[in-house]
Amino acid sequence: MSMSTTTPAQPDTAPALLVTPVPVASTPPATLSAPAAPVAPRRSRPPQRDGKVTGQPAFVLHSYPHKETSLIVDVFTRDYGRIALVAKGAKRPHSQLRGVLQTFQPLQAGWTGKSELRILTGAEWVGGMLPLEKTALLCGFYLNELLVKLLARDDAHPVLFDHYVATLNQLAHNEPAPIVLRKFERALLKETGVAADLTRCTGTRQAVETGQVYVVDPERGPRPARASDAWPKITGKTLLDMESEDYGDAATQAQSKLLMRFLLAHQLGGATLNTRQILIDLMQL
């Protein structure tokens, strides 16, 4: 699913970039920030020199035209989170970047600048991953759309980055898409600090029981269901299965689909996921 926004054409005389190998940056130690409860850790970044970064593991989430020959590329990086880069000359016929800046392909990227829109200085295809095809490809675009709409810019999530890589590999190897997607959706909410503990009732902190029925408050967590509740009613077993990433039971798969759709809709604030609707129509995921 390509998301594109065309800006008025302007001349762009910058030369094409050279694509050169760069070393992989190491993962920094974690620090803490204070987002809304439950609190998610905020990771520190590797030191920069004059705003220049090299060798950063990255994936293209989407891109759109910028001026006559360039692109603005939305990338998910391991140590800097989601950032926007201007790829100067990337649309030129002989640009080395044309074949490099592709979705679902691991890259090492470099850039310069400290503003919200930085300048791409180099990108190298790392390889080592199978391409996504057919339904897996559509699922990959769904992951990218979730990241674009739910991740704030410049907020590092190295654990989520690693989970994204693992999820792409699982999809490429034809693992069951509904289970793979549920795990990623849950990881995304956890890493952004908006996923409650599904093993405890909110308020009372009593343990969730497998035989009881609950609803999950998007802001607080599970509580016993009431007859008047319009939210999805979920068994305690499903909640415990989700917390332990055990999706082997058919009822757990069905209920977790409804629950994650509900929780994601709340976090999206009414925004539509185009790829999600297509997946629902095609696969009932």
C-alpha atoms as a PDB file:
ATOM      1  CA  MET A   1       0.000   0.000   0.000  1.00  0.00           C
ATOM      2  CA  SER A   2       1.827   3.112  -1.097  1.00  0.00           C
ATOM      3  CA  MET A   3       1.101   6.437   0.614  1.00  0.00           C
ATOM      4  CA  SER A   4       2.117   9.346  -1.582  1.00  0.00           C
ATOM      5  CA  THR A   5       1.901  13.123  -1.383  1.00  0.00           C
ATOM      6  CA  THR A   6       3.057  15.116  -4.389  1.00  0.00           C
ATOM      7  CA  THR A   7       4.609  18.544  -3.795  1.00  0.00           C
ATOM      8  CA  PRO A   8       4.905  21.254  -6.448  1.00  0.00           C
ATOM      9  CA  ALA A   9       7.809  20.605  -8.784  1.00  0.00           C
ATOM     10  CA  GLN A  10      10.921  22.689  -8.166  1.00  0.00           C
ATOM     11  CA  PRO A  11      14.335  22.409  -9.732  1.00  0.00           C
ATOM     12  CA  ASP A  12      16.700  20.143  -7.893  1.00  0.00           C
ATOM     13  CA  THR A  13      20.294  20.381  -8.965  1.00  0.00           C
ATOM     14  CA  ALA A  14      21.917  18.339  -6.221  1.00  0.00           C
ATOM     15  CA  PRO A  15      24.160  15.558  -7.537  1.00  0.00           C
ATOM     16  CA  ALA A  16      23.238  11.906  -7.059  1.00  0.00           C
ATOM     17  CA  LEU A  17      24.454  10.327  -3.871  1.00  0.00           C
ATOM     18  CA  LEU A  18      27.178   7.722  -3.738  1.00  0.00           C
ATOM     19  CA  VAL A  19      26.137   4.539  -1.990  1.00  0.00           C
ATOM     20  CA  THR A  20      29.032   3.425   0.164  1.00  0.00           C
ATOM     21  CA  PRO A  21      29.453   0.750   2.838  1.00  0.00           C
ATOM     22  CA  VAL A  22      29.234   2.014   6.385  1.00  0.00           C
ATOM     23  CA  PRO A  23      29.834   0.226   9.697  1.00  0.00           C
ATOM     24  CA  VAL A  24      26.941  -0.881  11.879  1.00  0.00           C
ATOM     25  CA  ALA A  25      26.367   1.271  14.934  1.00  0.00           C
ATOM     26  CA  SER A  26      26.181  -0.416  18.301  1.00  0.00           C
ATOM     27  CA  THR A  27      23.038  -0.321  20.445  1.00  0.00           C
ATOM     28  CA  PRO A  28      23.251   2.209  23.289  1.00  0.00           C
ATOM     29  CA  PRO A  29      22.238   1.545  26.895  1.00  0.00           C
ATOM     30  CA  ALA A  30      18.641   2.292  27.765  1.00  0.00           C
ATOM     31  CA  THR A  31      17.435   5.355  29.642  1.00  0.00           C
ATOM     32  CA  LEU A  32      13.977   6.167  30.977  1.00  0.00           C
ATOM     33  CA  SER A  33      11.374   8.685  29.927  1.00  0.00           C
ATOM     34  CA  ALA A  34       7.926   9.311  31.354  1.00  0.00           C
ATOM     35  CA  PRO A  35       5.139   8.647  28.828  1.00  0.00           C
ATOM     36  CA  ALA A  36       1.593   7.873  29.873  1.00  0.00           C
ATOM     37  CA  ALA A  37       1.213   4.883  32.159  1.00  0.00           C
ATOM     38  CA  PRO A  38       2.333   2.181  31.849  1.00  0.00           C
ATOM     39  CA  VAL A  39       5.723   3.749  31.321  1.00  0.00           C
ATOM     40  CA  ALA A  40       7.823   2.501  28.415  1.00  0.00           C
ATOM     41  CA  PRO A  41      11.618   2.895  28.486  1.00  0.00           C
ATOM     42  CA  ARG A  42      13.064   5.582  26.225  1.00  0.00           C
ATOM     43  CA  ARG A  43      16.360   4.570  24.675  1.00  0.00           C
ATOM     44  CA  SER A  44      19.343   6.820  24.385  1.00  0.00           C
ATOM     45  CA  ARG A  45      21.056   7.338  21.043  1.00  0.00           C
ATOM     46  CA  PRO A  46      24.617   6.814  19.915  1.00  0.00           C
ATOM     47  CA  PRO A  47      26.644  10.029  20.024  1.00  0.00           C
ATOM     48  CA  GLN A  48      26.489  12.219  16.918  1.00  0.00           C
ATOM     49  CA  ARG A  49      29.240  14.388  15.510  1.00  0.00           C
ATOM     50  CA  ASP A  50      27.922  17.599  13.980  1.00  0.00           C
ATOM     51  CA  GLY A  51      24.566  15.902  13.383  1.00  0.00           C
ATOM     52  CA  LYS A  52      26.127  13.199  11.213  1.00  0.00           C
ATOM     53  CA  VAL A  53      25.078   9.560  11.560  1.00  0.00           C
ATOM     54  CA  THR A  54      26.521   6.609   9.631  1.00  0.00           C
ATOM     55  CA  GLY A  55      25.935   2.868   9.474  1.00  0.00           C
ATOM     56  CA  GLN A  56      22.505   2.900  11.102  1.00  0.00           C
ATOM     57  CA  PRO A  57      20.332  -0.224  10.618  1.00  0.00           C
ATOM     58  CA  ALA A  58      17.136   0.919   8.937  1.00  0.00           C
ATOM     59  CA  PHE A  59      14.072  -0.034   6.895  1.00  0.00           C
ATOM     60  CA  VAL A  60      12.084   2.119   4.497  1.00  0.00           C
ATOM     61  CA  LEU A  61       8.479   2.463   5.663  1.00  0.00           C
ATOM     62  CA  HIS A  62       7.304   4.549   2.718  1.00  0.00           C
ATOM     63  CA  SER A  63       8.456   7.362   0.446  1.00  0.00           C
ATOM     64  CA  TYR A  64       6.972  10.108  -1.676  1.00  0.00           C
ATOM     65  CA  PRO A  65       8.223  12.564  -4.308  1.00  0.00           C
ATOM     66  CA  HIS A  66      10.068  15.725  -3.322  1.00  0.00           C
ATOM     67  CA  LYS A  67      10.770  18.357  -5.949  1.00  0.00           C
ATOM     68  CA  GLU A  68      11.724  17.084  -9.393  1.00  0.00           C
ATOM     69  CA  THR A  69      14.283  14.362  -8.731  1.00  0.00           C
ATOM     70  CA  SER A  70      14.245  13.628  -5.016  1.00  0.00           C
ATOM     71  CA  LEU A  71      12.267  11.638  -2.468  1.00  0.00           C
ATOM     72  CA  ILE A  72      11.281  12.080   1.144  1.00  0.00           C
ATOM     73  CA  VAL A  73      11.806   8.699   2.759  1.00  0.00           C
ATOM     74  CA  ASP A  74      10.189   7.690   6.049  1.00  0.00           C
ATOM     75  CA  VAL A  75      12.551   5.176   7.657  1.00  0.00           C
ATOM     76  CA  PHE A  76      12.478   3.099  10.840  1.00  0.00           C
ATOM     77  CA  THR A  77      15.943   3.000  12.376  1.00  0.00           C
ATOM     78  CA  ARG A  78      17.181   0.891  15.242  1.00  0.00           C
ATOM     79  CA  ASP A  79      18.690   3.617  17.433  1.00  0.00           C
ATOM     80  CA  TYR A  80      16.895   6.768  16.286  1.00  0.00           C
ATOM     81  CA  GLY A  81      13.359   5.529  15.730  1.00  0.00           C
ATOM     82  CA  ARG A  82      11.236   6.802  12.862  1.00  0.00           C
ATOM     83  CA  ILE A  83      12.807   9.675  10.950  1.00  0.00           C
ATOM     84  CA  ALA A  84      12.283  11.507   7.643  1.00  0.00           C
ATOM     85  CA  LEU A  85      15.156  11.800   5.174  1.00  0.00           C
ATOM     86  CA  VAL A  86      15.518  13.729   1.928  1.00  0.00           C
ATOM     87  CA  ALA A  87      17.053  11.421  -0.683  1.00  0.00           C
ATOM     88  CA  LYS A  88      18.429  13.927  -3.173  1.00  0.00           C
ATOM     89  CA  GLY A  89      18.455  12.782  -6.778  1.00  0.00           C
ATOM     90  CA  ALA A  90      16.909   9.401  -5.922  1.00  0.00           C
ATOM     91  CA  LYS A  91      14.415   9.671  -8.792  1.00  0.00           C
ATOM     92  CA  ARG A  92      17.097  10.219 -11.426  1.00  0.00           C
ATOM     93  CA  PRO A  93      17.298   7.302 -13.893  1.00  0.00           C
ATOM     94  CA  HIS A  94      20.874   6.363 -13.009  1.00  0.00           C
ATOM     95  CA  SER A  95      20.729   7.057  -9.269  1.00  0.00           C
ATOM     96  CA  GLN A  96      22.227   4.227  -7.233  1.00  0.00           C
ATOM     97  CA  LEU A  97      19.565   4.871  -4.611  1.00  0.00           C
ATOM     98  CA  ARG A  98      16.690   3.863  -6.895  1.00  0.00           C
ATOM     99  CA  GLY A  99      17.249   0.164  -6.294  1.00  0.00           C
ATOM    100  CA  VAL A 100      18.293   0.532  -2.670  1.00  0.00           C
ATOM    101  CA  LEU A 101      15.460   2.492  -1.049  1.00  0.00           C
ATOM    102  CA  GLN A 102      12.941  -0.361  -1.143  1.00  0.00           C
ATOM    103  CA  THR A 103      10.540  -1.484   1.582  1.00  0.00           C
ATOM    104  CA  PHE A 104      11.231  -4.655   3.599  1.00  0.00           C
ATOM    105  CA  GLN A 105      14.926  -4.688   2.727  1.00  0.00           C
ATOM    106  CA  PRO A 106      17.493  -4.222   5.528  1.00  0.00           C
ATOM    107  CA  LEU A 107      19.687  -1.180   5.000  1.00  0.00           C
ATOM    108  CA  GLN A 108      22.579   0.631   6.586  1.00  0.00           C
ATOM    109  CA  ALA A 109      21.821   4.324   6.299  1.00  0.00           C
ATOM    110  CA  GLY A 110      23.604   7.570   7.003  1.00  0.00           C
ATOM    111  CA  TRP A 111      22.352  11.126   7.223  1.00  0.00           C
ATOM    112  CA  THR A 112      23.225  14.599   8.377  1.00  0.00           C
ATOM    113  CA  GLY A 113      21.246  17.361  10.031  1.00  0.00           C
ATOM    114  CA  LYS A 114      19.384  17.910  13.281  1.00  0.00           C
ATOM    115  CA  SER A 115      16.044  19.222  12.027  1.00  0.00           C
ATOM    116  CA  GLU A 116      12.946  17.053  11.588  1.00  0.00           C
ATOM    117  CA  LEU A 117      13.823  16.623   7.903  1.00  0.00           C
ATOM    118  CA  ARG A 118      17.408  15.376   7.525  1.00  0.00           C
ATOM    119  CA  ILE A 119      19.541  14.753   4.440  1.00  0.00           C
ATOM    120  CA  LEU A 120      20.322  11.174   3.431  1.00  0.00           C
ATOM    121  CA  THR A 121      24.066  10.855   2.809  1.00  0.00           C
ATOM    122  CA  GLY A 122      24.306   7.159   2.014  1.00  0.00           C
ATOM    123  CA  ALA A 123      22.433   3.871   1.996  1.00  0.00           C
ATOM    124  CA  GLU A 124      23.608   0.304   1.501  1.00  0.00           C
ATOM    125  CA  TRP A 125      21.526  -2.808   1.036  1.00  0.00           C
ATOM    126  CA  VAL A 126      22.535  -5.365   3.667  1.00  0.00           C
ATOM    127  CA  GLY A 127      20.637  -8.397   2.358  1.00  0.00           C
ATOM    128  CA  GLY A 128      20.006 -11.651   4.156  1.00  0.00           C
ATOM    129  CA  MET A 129      16.191 -11.565   4.098  1.00  0.00           C
ATOM    130  CA  LEU A 130      13.732 -13.296   1.811  1.00  0.00           C
ATOM    131  CA  PRO A 131      11.379 -11.001  -0.136  1.00  0.00           C
ATOM    132  CA  LEU A 132       7.741 -10.777   0.928  1.00  0.00           C
ATOM    133  CA  GLU A 133       5.249 -12.096  -1.600  1.00  0.00           C
ATOM    134  CA  LYS A 134       1.475 -12.244  -2.026  1.00  0.00           C
ATOM    135  CA  THR A 135      -0.359 -12.080   1.316  1.00  0.00           C
ATOM    136  CA  ALA A 136       2.890 -11.682   3.254  1.00  0.00           C
ATOM    137  CA  LEU A 137       3.639  -8.536   1.249  1.00  0.00           C
ATOM    138  CA  LEU A 138       0.277  -7.029   2.140  1.00  0.00           C
ATOM    139  CA  CYS A 139       0.891  -7.906   5.799  1.00  0.00           C
ATOM    140  CA  GLY A 140       4.239  -6.129   5.565  1.00  0.00           C
ATOM    141  CA  PHE A 141       2.548  -2.949   4.345  1.00  0.00           C
ATOM    142  CA  TYR A 142       0.137  -3.274   7.269  1.00  0.00           C
ATOM    143  CA  LEU A 143       3.073  -3.340   9.692  1.00  0.00           C
ATOM    144  CA  ASN A 144       4.558  -0.265   8.030  1.00  0.00           C
ATOM    145  CA  GLU A 145       1.290   1.629   8.220  1.00  0.00           C
ATOM    146  CA  LEU A 146       1.001   0.844  11.934  1.00  0.00           C
ATOM    147  CA  LEU A 147       4.519   2.148  12.540  1.00  0.00           C
ATOM    148  CA  VAL A 148       3.929   5.342  10.544  1.00  0.00           C
ATOM    149  CA  LYS A 149       0.691   6.132  12.383  1.00  0.00           C
ATOM    150  CA  LEU A 150       1.586   5.038  15.915  1.00  0.00           C
ATOM    151  CA  LEU A 151       5.286   5.840  16.325  1.00  0.00           C
ATOM    152  CA  ALA A 152       6.322   9.385  17.150  1.00  0.00           C
ATOM    153  CA  ARG A 153       9.311  10.686  15.225  1.00  0.00           C
ATOM    154  CA  ASP A 154      12.758  10.573  16.815  1.00  0.00           C
ATOM    155  CA  ASP A 155      11.727   8.112  19.523  1.00  0.00           C
ATOM    156  CA  ALA A 156      14.100   5.135  19.600  1.00  0.00           C
ATOM    157  CA  HIS A 157      12.632   1.630  19.980  1.00  0.00           C
ATOM    158  CA  PRO A 158      15.439  -0.901  19.406  1.00  0.00           C
ATOM    159  CA  VAL A 159      13.430  -3.778  20.903  1.00  0.00           C
ATOM    160  CA  LEU A 160      10.523  -3.036  18.567  1.00  0.00           C
ATOM    161  CA  PHE A 161      12.961  -2.719  15.655  1.00  0.00           C
ATOM    162  CA  ASP A 162      14.259  -6.232  16.362  1.00  0.00           C
ATOM    163  CA  HIS A 163      10.687  -7.494  16.644  1.00  0.00           C
ATOM    164  CA  TYR A 164       9.893  -5.907  13.268  1.00  0.00           C
ATOM    165  CA  VAL A 165      12.840  -7.729  11.663  1.00  0.00           C
ATOM    166  CA  ALA A 166      11.721 -11.018  13.216  1.00  0.00           C
ATOM    167  CA  THR A 167       8.151 -10.456  12.039  1.00  0.00           C
ATOM    168  CA  LEU A 168       9.246  -9.828   8.447  1.00  0.00           C
ATOM    169  CA  ASN A 169      11.263 -13.043   8.533  1.00  0.00           C
ATOM    170  CA  GLN A 170       8.301 -14.998   9.897  1.00  0.00           C
ATOM    171  CA  LEU A 171       6.009 -13.650   7.189  1.00  0.00           C
ATOM    172  CA  ALA A 172       8.599 -14.415   4.505  1.00  0.00           C
ATOM    173  CA  HIS A 173       8.758 -18.015   5.743  1.00  0.00           C
ATOM    174  CA  ASN A 174       4.958 -18.356   5.537  1.00  0.00           C
ATOM    175  CA  GLU A 175       4.282 -18.625   9.252  1.00  0.00           C
ATOM    176  CA  PRO A 176       0.553 -18.123  10.066  1.00  0.00           C
ATOM    177  CA  ALA A 177      -0.124 -14.463   9.376  1.00  0.00           C
ATOM    178  CA  PRO A 178      -2.865 -13.933  12.002  1.00  0.00           C
ATOM    179  CA  ILE A 179      -0.608 -15.152  14.811  1.00  0.00           C
ATOM    180  CA  VAL A 180       2.423 -13.245  13.539  1.00  0.00           C
ATOM    181  CA  LEU A 181       0.401 -10.025  13.313  1.00  0.00           C
ATOM    182  CA  ARG A 182      -1.151 -10.397  16.773  1.00  0.00           C
ATOM    183  CA  LYS A 183       2.286 -10.765  18.324  1.00  0.00           C
ATOM    184  CA  PHE A 184       3.592  -7.691  16.539  1.00  0.00           C
ATOM    185  CA  GLU A 185       0.536  -5.587  17.406  1.00  0.00           C
ATOM    186  CA  ARG A 186       0.946  -6.478  21.066  1.00  0.00           C
ATOM    187  CA  ALA A 187       4.684  -5.733  20.966  1.00  0.00           C
ATOM    188  CA  LEU A 188       3.986  -2.358  19.351  1.00  0.00           C
ATOM    189  CA  LEU A 189       1.574  -1.340  22.106  1.00  0.00           C
ATOM    190  CA  LYS A 190       3.992  -2.538  24.775  1.00  0.00           C
ATOM    191  CA  GLU A 191       6.957  -0.659  23.330  1.00  0.00           C
ATOM    192  CA  THR A 192       4.990   2.568  22.983  1.00  0.00           C
ATOM    193  CA  GLY A 193       3.843   2.334  26.585  1.00  0.00           C
ATOM    194  CA  VAL A 194       0.108   1.841  26.068  1.00  0.00           C
ATOM    195  CA  ALA A 195      -0.285  -1.919  26.680  1.00  0.00           C
ATOM    196  CA  ALA A 196      -1.649  -2.926  30.061  1.00  0.00           C
ATOM    197  CA  ASP A 197      -0.737  -6.065  31.984  1.00  0.00           C
ATOM    198  CA  LEU A 198      -3.313  -8.636  30.849  1.00  0.00           C
ATOM    199  CA  THR A 199      -2.711 -10.911  33.835  1.00  0.00           C
ATOM    200  CA  ARG A 200      -4.135  -8.489  36.444  1.00  0.00           C
ATOM    201  CA  CYS A 201      -7.442  -6.661  36.821  1.00  0.00           C
ATOM    202  CA  THR A 202      -7.133  -2.908  36.833  1.00  0.00           C
ATOM    203  CA  GLY A 203      -7.946  -1.297  40.165  1.00  0.00           C
ATOM    204  CA  THR A 204      -8.095  -4.455  42.285  1.00  0.00           C
ATOM    205  CA  ARG A 205      -4.873  -5.976  40.880  1.00  0.00           C
ATOM    206  CA  GLN A 206      -6.466  -9.397  41.325  1.00  0.00           C
ATOM    207  CA  ALA A 207      -5.176 -12.132  39.036  1.00  0.00           C
ATOM    208  CA  VAL A 208      -7.133 -12.745  35.839  1.00  0.00           C
ATOM    209  CA  GLU A 209      -8.898 -16.120  35.999  1.00  0.00           C
ATOM    210  CA  THR A 210      -9.148 -18.375  32.972  1.00  0.00           C
ATOM    211  CA  GLY A 211     -12.850 -19.135  33.421  1.00  0.00           C
ATOM    212  CA  GLN A 212     -14.029 -15.542  33.851  1.00  0.00           C
ATOM    213  CA  VAL A 213     -15.030 -13.005  31.190  1.00  0.00           C
ATOM    214  CA  TYR A 214     -13.432  -9.562  30.981  1.00  0.00           C
ATOM    215  CA  VAL A 215     -13.266  -6.376  28.967  1.00  0.00           C
ATOM    216  CA  VAL A 216     -10.048  -4.429  28.465  1.00  0.00           C
ATOM    217  CA  ASP A 217     -10.137  -0.696  29.129  1.00  0.00           C
ATOM    218  CA  PRO A 218      -7.723   0.789  26.538  1.00  0.00           C
ATOM    219  CA  GLU A 219      -6.392   3.244  29.127  1.00  0.00           C
ATOM    220  CA  ARG A 220      -6.290   1.015  32.199  1.00  0.00           C
ATOM    221  CA  GLY A 221      -6.460  -2.726  31.445  1.00  0.00           C
ATOM    222  CA  PRO A 222      -8.716  -5.711  32.166  1.00  0.00           C
ATOM    223  CA  ARG A 223     -11.737  -5.675  34.444  1.00  0.00           C
ATOM    224  CA  PRO A 224     -14.668  -8.092  34.869  1.00  0.00           C
ATOM    225  CA  ALA A 225     -17.233  -7.718  32.096  1.00  0.00           C
ATOM    226  CA  ARG A 226     -20.677  -6.294  32.773  1.00  0.00           C
ATOM    227  CA  ALA A 227     -23.854  -7.066  30.850  1.00  0.00           C
ATOM    228  CA  SER A 228     -24.002  -3.454  29.652  1.00  0.00           C
ATOM    229  CA  ASP A 229     -20.464  -3.415  28.234  1.00  0.00           C
ATOM    230  CA  ALA A 230     -20.193  -2.677  24.513  1.00  0.00           C
ATOM    231  CA  TRP A 231     -16.459  -3.448  24.426  1.00  0.00           C
ATOM    232  CA  PRO A 232     -15.302  -6.905  23.234  1.00  0.00           C
ATOM    233  CA  LYS A 233     -15.813  -9.540  25.896  1.00  0.00           C
ATOM    234  CA  ILE A 234     -12.712 -11.682  26.294  1.00  0.00           C
ATOM    235  CA  THR A 235     -12.144 -14.785  28.407  1.00  0.00           C
ATOM    236  CA  GLY A 236      -9.430 -14.809  31.014  1.00  0.00           C
ATOM    237  CA  LYS A 237      -7.803 -17.684  29.169  1.00  0.00           C
ATOM    238  CA  THR A 238      -7.398 -15.561  26.041  1.00  0.00           C
ATOM    239  CA  LEU A 239      -5.855 -12.706  28.032  1.00  0.00           C
ATOM    240  CA  LEU A 240      -3.369 -15.046  29.686  1.00  0.00           C
ATOM    241  CA  ASP A 241      -2.600 -16.711  26.360  1.00  0.00           C
ATOM    242  CA  MET A 242      -1.895 -13.320  24.780  1.00  0.00           C
ATOM    243  CA  GLU A 243       0.393 -12.302  27.605  1.00  0.00           C
ATOM    244  CA  SER A 244       2.399 -15.509  27.118  1.00  0.00           C
ATOM    245  CA  GLU A 245       2.188 -15.304  23.279  1.00  0.00           C
ATOM    246  CA  ASP A 246       0.383 -18.635  23.065  1.00  0.00           C
ATOM    247  CA  TYR A 247      -2.042 -18.465  20.139  1.00  0.00           C
ATOM    248  CA  GLY A 248      -2.506 -22.182  19.588  1.00  0.00           C
ATOM    249  CA  ASP A 249      -6.161 -22.189  20.674  1.00  0.00           C
ATOM    250  CA  ALA A 250      -8.735 -21.239  18.029  1.00  0.00           C
ATOM    251  CA  ALA A 251     -10.822 -19.265  20.535  1.00  0.00           C
ATOM    252  CA  THR A 252      -7.730 -17.301  21.558  1.00  0.00           C
ATOM    253  CA  GLN A 253      -7.026 -16.441  17.921  1.00  0.00           C
ATOM    254  CA  ALA A 254     -10.592 -15.242  17.319  1.00  0.00           C
ATOM    255  CA  GLN A 255     -10.898 -13.216  20.518  1.00  0.00           C
ATOM    256  CA  SER A 256      -7.419 -11.691  20.290  1.00  0.00           C
ATOM    257  CA  LYS A 257      -8.247 -10.478  16.770  1.00  0.00           C
ATOM    258  CA  LEU A 258     -11.294  -8.604  18.077  1.00  0.00           C
ATOM    259  CA  LEU A 259      -9.439  -7.241  21.082  1.00  0.00           C
ATOM    260  CA  MET A 260      -6.418  -5.968  19.146  1.00  0.00           C
ATOM    261  CA  ARG A 261      -8.654  -4.358  16.532  1.00  0.00           C
ATOM    262  CA  PHE A 262     -10.471  -2.535  19.346  1.00  0.00           C
ATOM    263  CA  LEU A 263      -7.281  -1.440  21.149  1.00  0.00           C
ATOM    264  CA  LEU A 264      -5.556  -0.274  17.974  1.00  0.00           C
ATOM    265  CA  ALA A 265      -8.629   1.697  16.902  1.00  0.00           C
ATOM    266  CA  HIS A 266      -8.505   3.533  20.227  1.00  0.00           C
ATOM    267  CA  GLN A 267      -4.827   4.380  19.839  1.00  0.00           C
ATOM    268  CA  LEU A 268      -5.364   5.524  16.256  1.00  0.00           C
ATOM    269  CA  GLY A 269      -8.050   7.942  17.369  1.00  0.00           C
ATOM    270  CA  GLY A 270     -10.358   7.136  14.493  1.00  0.00           C
ATOM    271  CA  ALA A 271      -7.696   7.137  11.772  1.00  0.00           C
ATOM    272  CA  THR A 272      -8.297   4.498   9.101  1.00  0.00           C
ATOM    273  CA  LEU A 273      -5.791   1.758   8.369  1.00  0.00           C
ATOM    274  CA  ASN A 274      -6.098   1.160   4.635  1.00  0.00           C
ATOM    275  CA  THR A 275      -4.115  -2.070   4.618  1.00  0.00           C
ATOM    276  CA  ARG A 276      -6.019  -3.403   7.618  1.00  0.00           C
ATOM    277  CA  GLN A 277      -9.341  -3.075   5.823  1.00  0.00           C
ATOM    278  CA  ILE A 278      -7.971  -4.886   2.799  1.00  0.00           C
ATOM    279  CA  LEU A 279      -6.643  -7.663   5.023  1.00  0.00           C
ATOM    280  CA  ILE A 280     -10.007  -7.960   6.735  1.00  0.00           C
ATOM    281  CA  ASP A 281     -11.768  -8.186   3.400  1.00  0.00           C
ATOM    282  CA  LEU A 282      -9.350 -10.751   1.955  1.00  0.00           C
ATOM    283  CA  MET A 283      -8.388 -12.889   4.915  1.00  0.00           C
ATOM    284  CA  GLN A 284     -10.558 -11.984   7.894  1.00  0.00           C
ATOM    285  CA  LEU A 285      -7.386 -11.440   9.959  1.00  0.00           C
END
